[in-house]
Amino acid sequence: RLKSDLLELLWAATEADTETLAKIELQWDRR
């Protein structure tokens, strides 16, 4: 169901700051 880029998500969660992750909005398949 995940439509967003998983690499972008996990990369943001391994950055030194947490702001990068906080800015991400995940997109989901409505199904």
PDB file of all heavy atoms in Angstrom:
ATOM      1  N   ARG A   1       0.804  -1.225   0.000  1.00  0.00           N
ATOM      2  CA  ARG A   1       0.000   0.000   0.000  1.00  0.00           C
ATOM      3  C   ARG A   1       0.837   1.275   0.000  1.00  0.00           C
ATOM      4  O   ARG A   1       0.321   2.346  -0.330  1.00  0.00           O
ATOM      5  CB  ARG A   1      -0.930   0.009   1.227  1.00  0.00           C
ATOM      6  CG  ARG A   1      -2.014  -1.069   1.199  1.00  0.00           C
ATOM      7  CD  ARG A   1      -3.010  -0.850   2.335  1.00  0.00           C
ATOM      8  NE  ARG A   1      -3.666   0.443   2.194  1.00  0.00           N
ATOM      9  CZ  ARG A   1      -3.845   1.288   3.212  1.00  0.00           C
ATOM     10  NH1 ARG A   1      -3.418   0.996   4.431  1.00  0.00           N
ATOM     11  NH2 ARG A   1      -4.456   2.437   3.019  1.00  0.00           N
ATOM     12  N   LEU A   2       2.101   1.184   0.375  1.00  0.00           N
ATOM     13  CA  LEU A   2       2.943   2.382   0.452  1.00  0.00           C
ATOM     14  C   LEU A   2       3.284   2.895  -0.947  1.00  0.00           C
ATOM     15  O   LEU A   2       3.869   2.179  -1.755  1.00  0.00           O
ATOM     16  CB  LEU A   2       4.226   2.073   1.219  1.00  0.00           C
ATOM     17  CG  LEU A   2       5.212   3.238   1.375  1.00  0.00           C
ATOM     18  CD1 LEU A   2       4.598   4.361   2.208  1.00  0.00           C
ATOM     19  CD2 LEU A   2       6.517   2.749   2.002  1.00  0.00           C
ATOM     20  N   LYS A   3       2.932   4.134  -1.232  1.00  0.00           N
ATOM     21  CA  LYS A   3       3.223   4.742  -2.535  1.00  0.00           C
ATOM     22  C   LYS A   3       4.479   5.615  -2.483  1.00  0.00           C
ATOM     23  O   LYS A   3       5.076   5.913  -3.517  1.00  0.00           O
ATOM     24  CB  LYS A   3       2.024   5.570  -3.009  1.00  0.00           C
ATOM     25  CG  LYS A   3       0.763   4.726  -3.219  1.00  0.00           C
ATOM     26  CD  LYS A   3      -0.432   5.555  -3.640  1.00  0.00           C
ATOM     27  CE  LYS A   3      -0.328   5.993  -5.086  1.00  0.00           C
ATOM     28  NZ  LYS A   3      -1.579   6.657  -5.546  1.00  0.00           N
ATOM     29  N   SER A   4       4.878   6.034  -1.300  1.00  0.00           N
ATOM     30  CA  SER A   4       6.052   6.883  -1.147  1.00  0.00           C
ATOM     31  C   SER A   4       7.335   6.076  -1.321  1.00  0.00           C
ATOM     32  O   SER A   4       7.330   4.844  -1.282  1.00  0.00           O
ATOM     33  CB  SER A   4       6.047   7.545   0.232  1.00  0.00           C
ATOM     34  OG  SER A   4       4.891   8.321   0.419  1.00  0.00           O
ATOM     35  N   ASP A   5       8.442   6.794  -1.492  1.00  0.00           N
ATOM     36  CA  ASP A   5       9.765   6.200  -1.668  1.00  0.00           C
ATOM     37  C   ASP A   5      10.274   5.724  -0.307  1.00  0.00           C
ATOM     38  O   ASP A   5      10.537   6.542   0.585  1.00  0.00           O
ATOM     39  CB  ASP A   5      10.702   7.247  -2.271  1.00  0.00           C
ATOM     40  CG  ASP A   5      12.047   6.670  -2.691  1.00  0.00           C
ATOM     41  OD1 ASP A   5      12.607   5.847  -1.936  1.00  0.00           O
ATOM     42  OD2 ASP A   5      12.551   7.062  -3.763  1.00  0.00           O
ATOM     43  N   LEU A   6      10.417   4.404  -0.130  1.00  0.00           N
ATOM     44  CA  LEU A   6      10.861   3.863   1.150  1.00  0.00           C
ATOM     45  C   LEU A   6      12.298   4.276   1.460  1.00  0.00           C
ATOM     46  O   LEU A   6      12.634   4.537   2.627  1.00  0.00           O
ATOM     47  CB  LEU A   6      10.734   2.332   1.149  1.00  0.00           C
ATOM     48  CG  LEU A   6      11.158   1.629   2.444  1.00  0.00           C
ATOM     49  CD1 LEU A   6      10.310   2.077   3.630  1.00  0.00           C
ATOM     50  CD2 LEU A   6      11.092   0.103   2.285  1.00  0.00           C
ATOM     51  N   LEU A   7      13.143   4.349   0.451  1.00  0.00           N
ATOM     52  CA  LEU A   7      14.524   4.758   0.688  1.00  0.00           C
ATOM     53  C   LEU A   7      14.578   6.177   1.250  1.00  0.00           C
ATOM     54  O   LEU A   7      15.320   6.457   2.203  1.00  0.00           O
ATOM     55  CB  LEU A   7      15.341   4.673  -0.600  1.00  0.00           C
ATOM     56  CG  LEU A   7      16.790   5.174  -0.491  1.00  0.00           C
ATOM     57  CD1 LEU A   7      17.565   4.369   0.536  1.00  0.00           C
ATOM     58  CD2 LEU A   7      17.489   5.153  -1.834  1.00  0.00           C
ATOM     59  N   GLU A   8      13.794   7.067   0.681  1.00  0.00           N
ATOM     60  CA  GLU A   8      13.755   8.445   1.163  1.00  0.00           C
ATOM     61  C   GLU A   8      13.332   8.494   2.632  1.00  0.00           C
ATOM     62  O   GLU A   8      13.885   9.256   3.433  1.00  0.00           O
ATOM     63  CB  GLU A   8      12.783   9.259   0.309  1.00  0.00           C
ATOM     64  CG  GLU A   8      12.670  10.719   0.696  1.00  0.00           C
ATOM     65  CD  GLU A   8      11.628  11.461  -0.123  1.00  0.00           C
ATOM     66  OE1 GLU A   8      11.326  11.015  -1.246  1.00  0.00           O
ATOM     67  OE2 GLU A   8      11.102  12.484   0.369  1.00  0.00           O
ATOM     68  N   LEU A   9      12.371   7.657   2.998  1.00  0.00           N
ATOM     69  CA  LEU A   9      11.879   7.597   4.368  1.00  0.00           C
ATOM     70  C   LEU A   9      12.968   7.120   5.326  1.00  0.00           C
ATOM     71  O   LEU A   9      13.224   7.745   6.363  1.00  0.00           O
ATOM     72  CB  LEU A   9      10.661   6.669   4.434  1.00  0.00           C
ATOM     73  CG  LEU A   9      10.117   6.331   5.824  1.00  0.00           C
ATOM     74  CD1 LEU A   9       9.613   7.573   6.533  1.00  0.00           C
ATOM     75  CD2 LEU A   9       9.016   5.280   5.718  1.00  0.00           C
ATOM     76  N   LEU A  10      13.620   6.008   4.993  1.00  0.00           N
ATOM     77  CA  LEU A  10      14.625   5.440   5.888  1.00  0.00           C
ATOM     78  C   LEU A  10      15.883   6.300   5.943  1.00  0.00           C
ATOM     79  O   LEU A  10      16.553   6.367   6.980  1.00  0.00           O
ATOM     80  CB  LEU A  10      14.961   4.002   5.462  1.00  0.00           C
ATOM     81  CG  LEU A  10      13.772   3.031   5.410  1.00  0.00           C
ATOM     82  CD1 LEU A  10      14.263   1.612   5.175  1.00  0.00           C
ATOM     83  CD2 LEU A  10      12.943   3.107   6.683  1.00  0.00           C
ATOM     84  N   TRP A  11      16.195   6.950   4.838  1.00  0.00           N
ATOM     85  CA  TRP A  11      17.348   7.857   4.812  1.00  0.00           C
ATOM     86  C   TRP A  11      17.100   9.023   5.773  1.00  0.00           C
ATOM     87  O   TRP A  11      17.978   9.406   6.544  1.00  0.00           O
ATOM     88  CB  TRP A  11      17.587   8.363   3.390  1.00  0.00           C
ATOM     89  CG  TRP A  11      18.900   9.072   3.214  1.00  0.00           C
ATOM     90  CD1 TRP A  11      19.142  10.407   3.310  1.00  0.00           C
ATOM     91  CD2 TRP A  11      20.157   8.453   2.912  1.00  0.00           C
ATOM     92  NE1 TRP A  11      20.468  10.670   3.087  1.00  0.00           N
ATOM     93  CE2 TRP A  11      21.122   9.491   2.841  1.00  0.00           C
ATOM     94  CE3 TRP A  11      20.566   7.136   2.697  1.00  0.00           C
ATOM     95  CZ2 TRP A  11      22.467   9.250   2.566  1.00  0.00           C
ATOM     96  CZ3 TRP A  11      21.908   6.898   2.420  1.00  0.00           C
ATOM     97  CH2 TRP A  11      22.842   7.930   2.356  1.00  0.00           C
ATOM     98  N   ALA A  12      15.882   9.568   5.734  1.00  0.00           N
ATOM     99  CA  ALA A  12      15.537  10.682   6.622  1.00  0.00           C
ATOM    100  C   ALA A  12      15.639  10.277   8.086  1.00  0.00           C
ATOM    101  O   ALA A  12      16.019  11.086   8.947  1.00  0.00           O
ATOM    102  CB  ALA A  12      14.132  11.179   6.313  1.00  0.00           C
ATOM    103  N   ALA A  13      15.312   9.021   8.367  1.00  0.00           N
ATOM    104  CA  ALA A  13      15.331   8.531   9.749  1.00  0.00           C
ATOM    105  C   ALA A  13      16.731   8.178  10.229  1.00  0.00           C
ATOM    106  O   ALA A  13      16.906   7.772  11.385  1.00  0.00           O
ATOM    107  CB  ALA A  13      14.423   7.321   9.884  1.00  0.00           C
ATOM    108  N   THR A  14      17.732   8.319   9.368  1.00  0.00           N
ATOM    109  CA  THR A  14      19.121   8.075   9.773  1.00  0.00           C
ATOM    110  C   THR A  14      19.962   9.346   9.677  1.00  0.00           C
ATOM    111  O   THR A  14      21.180   9.290   9.816  1.00  0.00           O
ATOM    112  CB  THR A  14      19.767   6.967   8.918  1.00  0.00           C
ATOM    113  OG1 THR A  14      19.608   7.287   7.522  1.00  0.00           O
ATOM    114  CG2 THR A  14      19.118   5.623   9.192  1.00  0.00           C
ATOM    115  N   GLU A  15      19.308  10.490   9.434  1.00  0.00           N
ATOM    116  CA  GLU A  15      20.022  11.764   9.426  1.00  0.00           C
ATOM    117  C   GLU A  15      20.346  12.183  10.865  1.00  0.00           C
ATOM    118  O   GLU A  15      19.717  11.714  11.824  1.00  0.00           O
ATOM    119  CB  GLU A  15      19.162  12.856   8.769  1.00  0.00           C
ATOM    120  CG  GLU A  15      18.950  12.665   7.270  1.00  0.00           C
ATOM    121  CD  GLU A  15      20.158  13.086   6.443  1.00  0.00           C
ATOM    122  OE1 GLU A  15      21.306  12.910   6.910  1.00  0.00           O
ATOM    123  OE2 GLU A  15      19.945  13.584   5.327  1.00  0.00           O
ATOM    124  N   ALA A  16      21.316  13.062  11.008  1.00  0.00           N
ATOM    125  CA  ALA A  16      21.722  13.504  12.340  1.00  0.00           C
ATOM    126  C   ALA A  16      20.592  14.247  13.049  1.00  0.00           C
ATOM    127  O   ALA A  16      20.393  14.104  14.259  1.00  0.00           O
ATOM    128  CB  ALA A  16      22.962  14.391  12.240  1.00  0.00           C
ATOM    129  N   ASP A  17      19.830  15.046  12.289  1.00  0.00           N
ATOM    130  CA  ASP A  17      18.703  15.753  12.890  1.00  0.00           C
ATOM    131  C   ASP A  17      17.416  14.970  12.651  1.00  0.00           C
ATOM    132  O   ASP A  17      17.371  14.056  11.840  1.00  0.00           O
ATOM    133  CB  ASP A  17      18.571  17.156  12.296  1.00  0.00           C
ATOM    134  CG  ASP A  17      18.153  17.089  10.824  1.00  0.00           C
ATOM    135  OD1 ASP A  17      19.052  17.001   9.954  1.00  0.00           O
ATOM    136  OD2 ASP A  17      16.949  17.128  10.558  1.00  0.00           O
ATOM    137  N   THR A  18      16.356  15.350  13.358  1.00  0.00           N
ATOM    138  CA  THR A  18      15.066  14.666  13.194  1.00  0.00           C
ATOM    139  C   THR A  18      14.092  15.476  12.352  1.00  0.00           C
ATOM    140  O   THR A  18      12.993  15.005  12.068  1.00  0.00           O
ATOM    141  CB  THR A  18      14.432  14.366  14.568  1.00  0.00           C
ATOM    142  OG1 THR A  18      14.184  15.607  15.246  1.00  0.00           O
ATOM    143  CG2 THR A  18      15.344  13.510  15.419  1.00  0.00           C
ATOM    144  N   GLU A  19      14.494  16.672  11.967  1.00  0.00           N
ATOM    145  CA  GLU A  19      13.595  17.544  11.211  1.00  0.00           C
ATOM    146  C   GLU A  19      13.297  16.991   9.819  1.00  0.00           C
ATOM    147  O   GLU A  19      12.208  17.183   9.285  1.00  0.00           O
ATOM    148  CB  GLU A  19      14.192  18.952  11.110  1.00  0.00           C
ATOM    149  CG  GLU A  19      14.253  19.684  12.438  1.00  0.00           C
ATOM    150  CD  GLU A  19      12.904  19.758  13.133  1.00  0.00           C
ATOM    151  OE1 GLU A  19      11.930  20.211  12.494  1.00  0.00           O
ATOM    152  OE2 GLU A  19      12.823  19.344  14.310  1.00  0.00           O
ATOM    153  N   THR A  20      14.288  16.331   9.219  1.00  0.00           N
ATOM    154  CA  THR A  20      14.089  15.781   7.875  1.00  0.00           C
ATOM    155  C   THR A  20      12.945  14.776   7.877  1.00  0.00           C
ATOM    156  O   THR A  20      12.082  14.789   6.995  1.00  0.00           O
ATOM    157  CB  THR A  20      15.374  15.100   7.366  1.00  0.00           C
ATOM    158  OG1 THR A  20      16.463  16.016   7.508  1.00  0.00           O
ATOM    159  CG2 THR A  20      15.239  14.698   5.910  1.00  0.00           C
ATOM    160  N   LEU A  21      12.919  13.897   8.881  1.00  0.00           N
ATOM    161  CA  LEU A  21      11.841  12.908   8.990  1.00  0.00           C
ATOM    162  C   LEU A  21      10.501  13.589   9.256  1.00  0.00           C
ATOM    163  O   LEU A  21       9.475  13.203   8.691  1.00  0.00           O
ATOM    164  CB  LEU A  21      12.154  11.907  10.106  1.00  0.00           C
ATOM    165  CG  LEU A  21      11.093  10.824  10.360  1.00  0.00           C
ATOM    166  CD1 LEU A  21      10.932   9.930   9.131  1.00  0.00           C
ATOM    167  CD2 LEU A  21      11.449   9.990  11.586  1.00  0.00           C
ATOM    168  N   ALA A  22      10.513  14.609  10.078  1.00  0.00           N
ATOM    169  CA  ALA A  22       9.269  15.291  10.443  1.00  0.00           C
ATOM    170  C   ALA A  22       8.599  15.953   9.248  1.00  0.00           C
ATOM    171  O   ALA A  22       7.379  16.162   9.248  1.00  0.00           O
ATOM    172  CB  ALA A  22       9.556  16.329  11.519  1.00  0.00           C
ATOM    173  N   LYS A  23       9.354  16.275   8.218  1.00  0.00           N
ATOM    174  CA  LYS A  23       8.807  16.957   7.043  1.00  0.00           C
ATOM    175  C   LYS A  23       8.181  16.006   6.025  1.00  0.00           C
ATOM    176  O   LYS A  23       7.514  16.441   5.093  1.00  0.00           O
ATOM    177  CB  LYS A  23       9.913  17.767   6.362  1.00  0.00           C
ATOM    178  CG  LYS A  23      10.413  18.942   7.197  1.00  0.00           C
ATOM    179  CD  LYS A  23      11.596  19.624   6.522  1.00  0.00           C
ATOM    180  CE  LYS A  23      12.162  20.746   7.410  1.00  0.00           C
ATOM    181  NZ  LYS A  23      13.376  21.343   6.807  1.00  0.00           N
ATOM    182  N   ILE A  24       8.408  14.705   6.182  1.00  0.00           N
ATOM    183  CA  ILE A  24       7.911  13.734   5.195  1.00  0.00           C
ATOM    184  C   ILE A  24       6.424  13.459   5.409  1.00  0.00           C
ATOM    185  O   ILE A  24       5.957  13.285   6.537  1.00  0.00           O
ATOM    186  CB  ILE A  24       8.715  12.422   5.271  1.00  0.00           C
ATOM    187  CG1 ILE A  24      10.129  12.647   4.718  1.00  0.00           C
ATOM    188  CG2 ILE A  24       8.018  11.293   4.499  1.00  0.00           C
ATOM    189  CD1 ILE A  24      10.991  11.410   4.719  1.00  0.00           C
ATOM    190  N   GLU A  25       5.681  13.443   4.310  1.00  0.00           N
ATOM    191  CA  GLU A  25       4.275  13.049   4.335  1.00  0.00           C
ATOM    192  C   GLU A  25       4.121  11.797   3.486  1.00  0.00           C
ATOM    193  O   GLU A  25       4.360  11.828   2.278  1.00  0.00           O
ATOM    194  CB  GLU A  25       3.383  14.171   3.784  1.00  0.00           C
ATOM    195  CG  GLU A  25       3.324  15.403   4.677  1.00  0.00           C
ATOM    196  CD  GLU A  25       2.320  16.425   4.175  1.00  0.00           C
ATOM    197  OE1 GLU A  25       1.441  16.051   3.363  1.00  0.00           O
ATOM    198  OE2 GLU A  25       2.412  17.594   4.589  1.00  0.00           O
ATOM    199  N   LEU A  26       3.747  10.702   4.109  1.00  0.00           N
ATOM    200  CA  LEU A  26       3.634   9.435   3.389  1.00  0.00           C
ATOM    201  C   LEU A  26       2.348   9.369   2.590  1.00  0.00           C
ATOM    202  O   LEU A  26       1.290   9.824   3.033  1.00  0.00           O
ATOM    203  CB  LEU A  26       3.693   8.269   4.377  1.00  0.00           C
ATOM    204  CG  LEU A  26       5.022   8.091   5.121  1.00  0.00           C
ATOM    205  CD1 LEU A  26       4.927   6.919   6.082  1.00  0.00           C
ATOM    206  CD2 LEU A  26       6.177   7.894   4.137  1.00  0.00           C
ATOM    207  N   GLN A  27       2.446   8.768   1.405  1.00  0.00           N
ATOM    208  CA  GLN A  27       1.291   8.571   0.536  1.00  0.00           C
ATOM    209  C   GLN A  27       0.938   7.085   0.509  1.00  0.00           C
ATOM    210  O   GLN A  27       1.825   6.235   0.363  1.00  0.00           O
ATOM    211  CB  GLN A  27       1.611   9.057  -0.896  1.00  0.00           C
ATOM    212  CG  GLN A  27       2.018  10.523  -0.971  1.00  0.00           C
ATOM    213  CD  GLN A  27       0.917  11.459  -0.510  1.00  0.00           C
ATOM    214  OE1 GLN A  27      -0.254  11.294  -0.872  1.00  0.00           O
ATOM    215  NE2 GLN A  27       1.283  12.454   0.304  1.00  0.00           N
ATOM    216  N   TRP A  28      -0.355   6.792   0.619  1.00  0.00           N
ATOM    217  CA  TRP A  28      -0.820   5.413   0.694  1.00  0.00           C
ATOM    218  C   TRP A  28      -1.845   5.115  -0.396  1.00  0.00           C
ATOM    219  O   TRP A  28      -2.667   5.972  -0.728  1.00  0.00           O
ATOM    220  CB  TRP A  28      -1.458   5.126   2.061  1.00  0.00           C
ATOM    221  CG  TRP A  28      -0.481   5.302   3.174  1.00  0.00           C
ATOM    222  CD1 TRP A  28      -0.311   6.407   3.953  1.00  0.00           C
ATOM    223  CD2 TRP A  28       0.485   4.345   3.610  1.00  0.00           C
ATOM    224  NE1 TRP A  28       0.701   6.197   4.853  1.00  0.00           N
ATOM    225  CE2 TRP A  28       1.208   4.947   4.672  1.00  0.00           C
ATOM    226  CE3 TRP A  28       0.814   3.048   3.214  1.00  0.00           C
ATOM    227  CZ2 TRP A  28       2.238   4.280   5.336  1.00  0.00           C
ATOM    228  CZ3 TRP A  28       1.832   2.391   3.880  1.00  0.00           C
ATOM    229  CH2 TRP A  28       2.535   2.998   4.919  1.00  0.00           C
ATOM    230  N   ASP A  29      -1.795   3.909  -0.925  1.00  0.00           N
ATOM    231  CA  ASP A  29      -2.832   3.430  -1.836  1.00  0.00           C
ATOM    232  C   ASP A  29      -4.137   3.362  -1.053  1.00  0.00           C
ATOM    233  O   ASP A  29      -4.169   2.831   0.065  1.00  0.00           O
ATOM    234  CB  ASP A  29      -2.443   2.039  -2.369  1.00  0.00           C
ATOM    235  CG  ASP A  29      -3.263   1.617  -3.574  1.00  0.00           C
ATOM    236  OD1 ASP A  29      -4.499   1.729  -3.518  1.00  0.00           O
ATOM    237  OD2 ASP A  29      -2.660   1.155  -4.565  1.00  0.00           O
ATOM    238  N   ARG A  30      -5.201   3.900  -1.610  1.00  0.00           N
ATOM    239  CA  ARG A  30      -6.493   3.905  -0.905  1.00  0.00           C
ATOM    240  C   ARG A  30      -7.055   2.498  -0.752  1.00  0.00           C
ATOM    241  O   ARG A  30      -7.938   2.258   0.076  1.00  0.00           O
ATOM    242  CB  ARG A  30      -7.499   4.759  -1.673  1.00  0.00           C
ATOM    243  CG  ARG A  30      -7.793   4.231  -3.062  1.00  0.00           C
ATOM    244  CD  ARG A  30      -8.945   4.930  -3.747  1.00  0.00           C
ATOM    245  NE  ARG A  30      -9.205   4.365  -5.069  1.00  0.00           N
ATOM    246  CZ  ARG A  30      -9.833   3.220  -5.273  1.00  0.00           C
ATOM    247  NH1 ARG A  30     -10.288   2.519  -4.258  1.00  0.00           N
ATOM    248  NH2 ARG A  30     -10.022   2.768  -6.508  1.00  0.00           N
ATOM    249  N   ARG A  31      -6.561   1.558  -1.558  1.00  0.00           N
ATOM    250  CA  ARG A  31      -7.068   0.191  -1.505  1.00  0.00           C
ATOM    251  C   ARG A  31      -6.563  -0.556  -0.267  1.00  0.00           C
ATOM    252  O   ARG A  31      -5.615  -0.140   0.389  1.00  0.00           O
ATOM    253  CB  ARG A  31      -6.675  -0.577  -2.772  1.00  0.00           C
ATOM    254  CG  ARG A  31      -7.363  -0.067  -4.028  1.00  0.00           C
ATOM    255  CD  ARG A  31      -6.806  -0.734  -5.279  1.00  0.00           C
ATOM    256  NE  ARG A  31      -5.413  -0.344  -5.526  1.00  0.00           N
ATOM    257  CZ  ARG A  31      -4.684  -0.806  -6.530  1.00  0.00           C
ATOM    258  NH1 ARG A  31      -5.198  -1.683  -7.384  1.00  0.00           N
ATOM    259  NH2 ARG A  31      -3.431  -0.395  -6.693  1.00  0.00           N
TER     260      ARG A  31
END
